[in-house]
Amino acid sequence: IPVAKKVPLFIPSLQIERVPQNYPVPVIVKKPVPYQVEKQVFTKVEKKVPTPIEKIIPVKIEKPVPFHVVKHIPVPVVKPIPIKIPIHKTIVHSHKGH
């Protein structure tokens, strides 16, 4: 009867070689390290109330120009005697064929 034995498994992990560098190189740290977490802080923000702004808009104003007014005084005019001219009207009946 086969019996199960505990055999250690070797899983290849990332090996870091120490090489002299002029700049910082990321290093994998196996232990958990505390790091800064940005917390979401909610604060009440006062909204600006829209206020009416007085704007100065230039408006063209028409200035009255002084001018001379000529007044017309009614003068009685002698009217000629009316002459009656006889007007003859010609009536044309439209003729429709029978």
C-alpha atoms as a PDB file:
ATOM      1  CA  ILE A   1       0.000   0.000   0.000  1.00  0.00           C
ATOM      2  CA  PRO A   2       1.531   3.352  -1.000  1.00  0.00           C
ATOM      3  CA  VAL A   3       1.956   5.841   1.825  1.00  0.00           C
ATOM      4  CA  ALA A   4       1.948   9.636   1.245  1.00  0.00           C
ATOM      5  CA  LYS A   5       5.167  11.342   2.278  1.00  0.00           C
ATOM      6  CA  LYS A   6       5.637  15.068   2.832  1.00  0.00           C
ATOM      7  CA  VAL A   7       8.266  16.172   0.372  1.00  0.00           C
ATOM      8  CA  PRO A   8       9.408  19.823   0.352  1.00  0.00           C
ATOM      9  CA  LEU A   9       8.735  21.474  -2.981  1.00  0.00           C
ATOM     10  CA  PHE A  10      11.302  23.971  -4.190  1.00  0.00           C
ATOM     11  CA  ILE A  11       9.542  26.775  -6.048  1.00  0.00           C
ATOM     12  CA  PRO A  12      12.000  29.017  -7.841  1.00  0.00           C
ATOM     13  CA  SER A  13      11.741  32.582  -6.522  1.00  0.00           C
ATOM     14  CA  LEU A  14      13.202  35.807  -7.816  1.00  0.00           C
ATOM     15  CA  GLN A  15      16.823  36.062  -6.800  1.00  0.00           C
ATOM     16  CA  ILE A  16      18.392  39.490  -6.611  1.00  0.00           C
ATOM     17  CA  GLU A  17      22.015  39.881  -7.414  1.00  0.00           C
ATOM     18  CA  ARG A  18      23.826  42.690  -5.687  1.00  0.00           C
ATOM     19  CA  VAL A  19      25.310  44.874  -8.383  1.00  0.00           C
ATOM     20  CA  PRO A  20      26.857  48.269  -7.616  1.00  0.00           C
ATOM     21  CA  GLN A  21      24.452  50.895  -8.997  1.00  0.00           C
ATOM     22  CA  ASN A  22      24.639  54.661  -9.232  1.00  0.00           C
ATOM     23  CA  TYR A  23      20.859  54.958  -8.790  1.00  0.00           C
ATOM     24  CA  PRO A  24      18.365  53.271  -6.442  1.00  0.00           C
ATOM     25  CA  VAL A  25      17.056  49.915  -7.580  1.00  0.00           C
ATOM     26  CA  PRO A  26      13.763  48.436  -6.308  1.00  0.00           C
ATOM     27  CA  VAL A  27      14.403  45.597  -3.903  1.00  0.00           C
ATOM     28  CA  ILE A  28      11.821  42.940  -3.099  1.00  0.00           C
ATOM     29  CA  VAL A  29      11.283  42.761   0.649  1.00  0.00           C
ATOM     30  CA  LYS A  30       9.790  39.495   1.853  1.00  0.00           C
ATOM     31  CA  LYS A  31       8.628  40.807   5.231  1.00  0.00           C
ATOM     32  CA  PRO A  32       5.513  42.994   5.340  1.00  0.00           C
ATOM     33  CA  VAL A  33       6.572  46.598   5.691  1.00  0.00           C
ATOM     34  CA  PRO A  34       4.217  49.387   6.843  1.00  0.00           C
ATOM     35  CA  TYR A  35       3.614  52.019   4.203  1.00  0.00           C
ATOM     36  CA  GLN A  36       1.674  55.246   4.029  1.00  0.00           C
ATOM     37  CA  VAL A  37      -1.930  55.052   2.944  1.00  0.00           C
ATOM     38  CA  GLU A  38      -3.834  58.044   1.657  1.00  0.00           C
ATOM     39  CA  LYS A  39      -7.012  58.315   3.684  1.00  0.00           C
ATOM     40  CA  GLN A  40     -10.123  59.749   2.132  1.00  0.00           C
ATOM     41  CA  VAL A  41     -11.185  62.599   4.362  1.00  0.00           C
ATOM     42  CA  PHE A  42     -14.546  64.188   3.597  1.00  0.00           C
ATOM     43  CA  THR A  43     -14.900  67.846   4.501  1.00  0.00           C
ATOM     44  CA  LYS A  44     -17.832  70.141   3.914  1.00  0.00           C
ATOM     45  CA  VAL A  45     -17.099  72.727   1.283  1.00  0.00           C
ATOM     46  CA  GLU A  46     -19.073  75.961   1.357  1.00  0.00           C
ATOM     47  CA  LYS A  47     -20.460  76.661  -2.069  1.00  0.00           C
ATOM     48  CA  LYS A  48     -20.215  80.199  -3.329  1.00  0.00           C
ATOM     49  CA  VAL A  49     -23.574  81.900  -3.634  1.00  0.00           C
ATOM     50  CA  PRO A  50     -23.886  83.619  -7.020  1.00  0.00           C
ATOM     51  CA  THR A  51     -23.999  87.350  -6.467  1.00  0.00           C
ATOM     52  CA  PRO A  52     -25.179  89.817  -9.097  1.00  0.00           C
ATOM     53  CA  ILE A  53     -22.339  91.806 -10.594  1.00  0.00           C
ATOM     54  CA  GLU A  54     -23.004  95.358 -11.695  1.00  0.00           C
ATOM     55  CA  LYS A  55     -21.564  95.885 -15.128  1.00  0.00           C
ATOM     56  CA  ILE A  56     -21.236  99.327 -16.619  1.00  0.00           C
ATOM     57  CA  ILE A  57     -22.502  99.112 -20.188  1.00  0.00           C
ATOM     58  CA  PRO A  58     -21.989 102.222 -22.339  1.00  0.00           C
ATOM     59  CA  VAL A  59     -25.290 103.433 -23.805  1.00  0.00           C
ATOM     60  CA  LYS A  60     -25.435 105.923 -26.673  1.00  0.00           C
ATOM     61  CA  ILE A  61     -27.531 108.927 -25.706  1.00  0.00           C
ATOM     62  CA  GLU A  62     -28.944 111.087 -28.480  1.00  0.00           C
ATOM     63  CA  LYS A  63     -28.444 114.711 -27.533  1.00  0.00           C
ATOM     64  CA  PRO A  64     -31.008 117.173 -28.873  1.00  0.00           C
ATOM     65  CA  VAL A  65     -29.511 119.430 -31.519  1.00  0.00           C
ATOM     66  CA  PRO A  66     -30.903 122.986 -31.458  1.00  0.00           C
ATOM     67  CA  PHE A  67     -32.620 123.843 -34.736  1.00  0.00           C
ATOM     68  CA  HIS A  68     -34.819 126.666 -35.916  1.00  0.00           C
ATOM     69  CA  VAL A  69     -38.521 125.904 -36.227  1.00  0.00           C
ATOM     70  CA  VAL A  70     -40.391 127.766 -38.957  1.00  0.00           C
ATOM     71  CA  LYS A  71     -43.991 128.267 -37.897  1.00  0.00           C
ATOM     72  CA  HIS A  72     -46.565 128.340 -40.673  1.00  0.00           C
ATOM     73  CA  ILE A  73     -49.443 130.705 -39.986  1.00  0.00           C
ATOM     74  CA  PRO A  74     -52.592 129.902 -41.980  1.00  0.00           C
ATOM     75  CA  VAL A  75     -53.385 132.706 -44.421  1.00  0.00           C
ATOM     76  CA  PRO A  76     -56.889 132.943 -45.926  1.00  0.00           C
ATOM     77  CA  VAL A  77     -56.748 132.177 -49.647  1.00  0.00           C
ATOM     78  CA  VAL A  78     -59.363 133.519 -52.076  1.00  0.00           C
ATOM     79  CA  LYS A  79     -60.980 130.476 -53.690  1.00  0.00           C
ATOM     80  CA  PRO A  80     -62.189 130.752 -57.293  1.00  0.00           C
ATOM     81  CA  ILE A  81     -65.859 130.145 -58.071  1.00  0.00           C
ATOM     82  CA  PRO A  82     -66.385 126.488 -58.922  1.00  0.00           C
ATOM     83  CA  ILE A  83     -67.468 125.804 -62.493  1.00  0.00           C
ATOM     84  CA  LYS A  84     -69.661 122.758 -63.046  1.00  0.00           C
ATOM     85  CA  ILE A  85     -68.435 120.615 -65.924  1.00  0.00           C
ATOM     86  CA  PRO A  86     -70.975 118.058 -67.161  1.00  0.00           C
ATOM     87  CA  ILE A  87     -69.619 114.516 -67.158  1.00  0.00           C
ATOM     88  CA  HIS A  88     -71.279 112.015 -69.484  1.00  0.00           C
ATOM     89  CA  LYS A  89     -71.093 108.445 -68.333  1.00  0.00           C
ATOM     90  CA  THR A  90     -71.256 105.743 -70.959  1.00  0.00           C
ATOM     91  CA  ILE A  91     -72.656 102.446 -69.672  1.00  0.00           C
ATOM     92  CA  VAL A  92     -71.489  99.392 -71.591  1.00  0.00           C
ATOM     93  CA  HIS A  93     -73.547  96.273 -70.973  1.00  0.00           C
ATOM     94  CA  SER A  94     -71.698  93.038 -71.343  1.00  0.00           C
ATOM     95  CA  HIS A  95     -73.393  91.114 -74.108  1.00  0.00           C
ATOM     96  CA  LYS A  96     -73.692  87.390 -73.583  1.00  0.00           C
ATOM     97  CA  GLY A  97     -74.581  85.249 -76.562  1.00  0.00           C
ATOM     98  CA  HIS A  98     -77.944  83.478 -76.510  1.00  0.00           C
END
